[in-house]
Amino acid sequence: MSRRRFIAGAVCPRCAKMDTIVVDMDADLRECVDCGFQEARPQAPGPSELPTRVSRGLSRRTETPAEPVRLMDPPLGAKKDS
């Protein structure tokens, strides 16, 4: 038994009638029940990984050398910015 579902609001490309398109979930086929139009369902492309600094190739990664940081107290007579 195939699982078929109507697609609400879908218009047939051949006869231009609304609400006549059925999708067969098992066969990946869409069909118009009025005029008999059939078409394989378009396949969505698989998700692609977004490029981030973590996912880019090893050849593009650059290592930043560690540098010591020195914290300094402001001089006693310095003005504060407002």
C-alpha atoms as a PDB file:
ATOM      1  CA  MET A   1       0.000   0.000   0.000  1.00  0.00           C
ATOM      2  CA  SER A   2       1.514   3.314  -1.037  1.00  0.00           C
ATOM      3  CA  ARG A   3       1.275   6.429   1.108  1.00  0.00           C
ATOM      4  CA  ARG A   4      -0.293   9.160  -1.004  1.00  0.00           C
ATOM      5  CA  ARG A   5      -1.022  12.694   0.160  1.00  0.00           C
ATOM      6  CA  PHE A   6      -2.711  15.655  -1.471  1.00  0.00           C
ATOM      7  CA  ILE A   7      -0.725  18.887  -1.546  1.00  0.00           C
ATOM      8  CA  ALA A   8      -3.008  21.748  -0.524  1.00  0.00           C
ATOM      9  CA  GLY A   9      -2.868  24.734  -2.867  1.00  0.00           C
ATOM     10  CA  ALA A  10      -0.674  22.993  -5.460  1.00  0.00           C
ATOM     11  CA  VAL A  11      -1.478  23.741  -9.116  1.00  0.00           C
ATOM     12  CA  CYS A  12      -0.958  21.163 -11.848  1.00  0.00           C
ATOM     13  CA  PRO A  13       1.574  22.381 -14.446  1.00  0.00           C
ATOM     14  CA  ARG A  14      -0.352  20.708 -17.287  1.00  0.00           C
ATOM     15  CA  CYS A  15      -4.065  21.376 -16.617  1.00  0.00           C
ATOM     16  CA  ALA A  16      -3.622  24.333 -14.198  1.00  0.00           C
ATOM     17  CA  LYS A  17      -6.211  22.993 -11.749  1.00  0.00           C
ATOM     18  CA  MET A  18      -5.658  23.571  -8.054  1.00  0.00           C
ATOM     19  CA  ASP A  19      -5.718  20.877  -5.344  1.00  0.00           C
ATOM     20  CA  THR A  20      -5.365  17.929  -7.734  1.00  0.00           C
ATOM     21  CA  ILE A  21      -1.698  17.052  -7.036  1.00  0.00           C
ATOM     22  CA  VAL A  22      -0.999  13.879  -5.060  1.00  0.00           C
ATOM     23  CA  VAL A  23       2.462  12.925  -3.804  1.00  0.00           C
ATOM     24  CA  ASP A  24       3.351   9.262  -3.471  1.00  0.00           C
ATOM     25  CA  MET A  25       5.725   9.180  -0.493  1.00  0.00           C
ATOM     26  CA  ASP A  26       7.069   5.708  -1.314  1.00  0.00           C
ATOM     27  CA  ALA A  27       7.806   6.244  -5.019  1.00  0.00           C
ATOM     28  CA  ASP A  28       8.854   9.937  -4.787  1.00  0.00           C
ATOM     29  CA  LEU A  29       6.386  10.751  -7.542  1.00  0.00           C
ATOM     30  CA  ARG A  30       3.855  13.573  -7.855  1.00  0.00           C
ATOM     31  CA  GLU A  31       0.748  13.090  -9.940  1.00  0.00           C
ATOM     32  CA  CYS A  32      -2.349  15.040 -10.974  1.00  0.00           C
ATOM     33  CA  VAL A  33      -5.499  13.016 -10.272  1.00  0.00           C
ATOM     34  CA  ASP A  34      -7.448  15.033 -12.885  1.00  0.00           C
ATOM     35  CA  CYS A  35      -5.279  14.900 -16.036  1.00  0.00           C
ATOM     36  CA  GLY A  36      -2.791  12.131 -15.172  1.00  0.00           C
ATOM     37  CA  PHE A  37       0.353  14.321 -15.237  1.00  0.00           C
ATOM     38  CA  GLN A  38       3.260  12.568 -13.491  1.00  0.00           C
ATOM     39  CA  GLU A  39       6.674  13.841 -12.483  1.00  0.00           C
ATOM     40  CA  ALA A  40       9.460  12.629 -10.216  1.00  0.00           C
ATOM     41  CA  ARG A  41       9.681  14.759  -7.086  1.00  0.00           C
ATOM     42  CA  PRO A  42      12.666  17.126  -7.146  1.00  0.00           C
ATOM     43  CA  GLN A  43      15.360  16.110  -4.701  1.00  0.00           C
ATOM     44  CA  ALA A  44      16.660  18.789  -2.381  1.00  0.00           C
ATOM     45  CA  PRO A  45      20.453  19.040  -2.214  1.00  0.00           C
ATOM     46  CA  GLY A  46      21.983  17.749   0.981  1.00  0.00           C
ATOM     47  CA  PRO A  47      22.964  20.213   3.660  1.00  0.00           C
ATOM     48  CA  SER A  48      26.373  21.712   3.150  1.00  0.00           C
ATOM     49  CA  GLU A  49      28.660  22.713   5.959  1.00  0.00           C
ATOM     50  CA  LEU A  50      29.058  26.437   6.402  1.00  0.00           C
ATOM     51  CA  PRO A  51      32.667  27.586   6.121  1.00  0.00           C
ATOM     52  CA  THR A  52      33.992  28.700   9.483  1.00  0.00           C
ATOM     53  CA  ARG A  53      37.446  29.127  10.918  1.00  0.00           C
ATOM     54  CA  VAL A  54      37.032  25.706  12.516  1.00  0.00           C
ATOM     55  CA  SER A  55      35.948  23.866   9.376  1.00  0.00           C
ATOM     56  CA  ARG A  56      38.428  25.216   6.822  1.00  0.00           C
ATOM     57  CA  GLY A  57      41.232  23.015   5.571  1.00  0.00           C
ATOM     58  CA  LEU A  58      44.451  22.458   7.466  1.00  0.00           C
ATOM     59  CA  SER A  59      46.441  24.196   4.747  1.00  0.00           C
ATOM     60  CA  ARG A  60      44.634  27.494   5.365  1.00  0.00           C
ATOM     61  CA  ARG A  61      44.986  27.475   9.137  1.00  0.00           C
ATOM     62  CA  THR A  62      47.655  29.720  10.550  1.00  0.00           C
ATOM     63  CA  GLU A  63      48.976  29.495  14.035  1.00  0.00           C
ATOM     64  CA  THR A  64      49.419  32.770  15.851  1.00  0.00           C
ATOM     65  CA  PRO A  65      52.400  32.691  18.187  1.00  0.00           C
ATOM     66  CA  ALA A  66      51.599  33.397  21.834  1.00  0.00           C
ATOM     67  CA  GLU A  67      52.887  36.688  23.196  1.00  0.00           C
ATOM     68  CA  PRO A  68      53.045  37.735  26.844  1.00  0.00           C
ATOM     69  CA  VAL A  69      50.763  40.589  27.910  1.00  0.00           C
ATOM     70  CA  ARG A  70      51.904  43.108  30.477  1.00  0.00           C
ATOM     71  CA  LEU A  71      49.245  44.965  32.463  1.00  0.00           C
ATOM     72  CA  MET A  72      50.155  48.418  33.686  1.00  0.00           C
ATOM     73  CA  ASP A  73      48.519  50.722  36.225  1.00  0.00           C
ATOM     74  CA  PRO A  74      47.815  54.282  35.013  1.00  0.00           C
ATOM     75  CA  PRO A  75      50.023  57.025  36.489  1.00  0.00           C
ATOM     76  CA  LEU A  76      48.652  58.573  39.709  1.00  0.00           C
ATOM     77  CA  GLY A  77      48.198  62.080  38.293  1.00  0.00           C
ATOM     78  CA  ALA A  78      46.501  61.040  35.012  1.00  0.00           C
ATOM     79  CA  LYS A  79      43.055  62.434  34.099  1.00  0.00           C
ATOM     80  CA  LYS A  80      40.191  60.024  33.571  1.00  0.00           C
ATOM     81  CA  ASP A  81      38.340  60.165  30.250  1.00  0.00           C
ATOM     82  CA  SER A  82      34.711  61.278  30.591  1.00  0.00           C
END
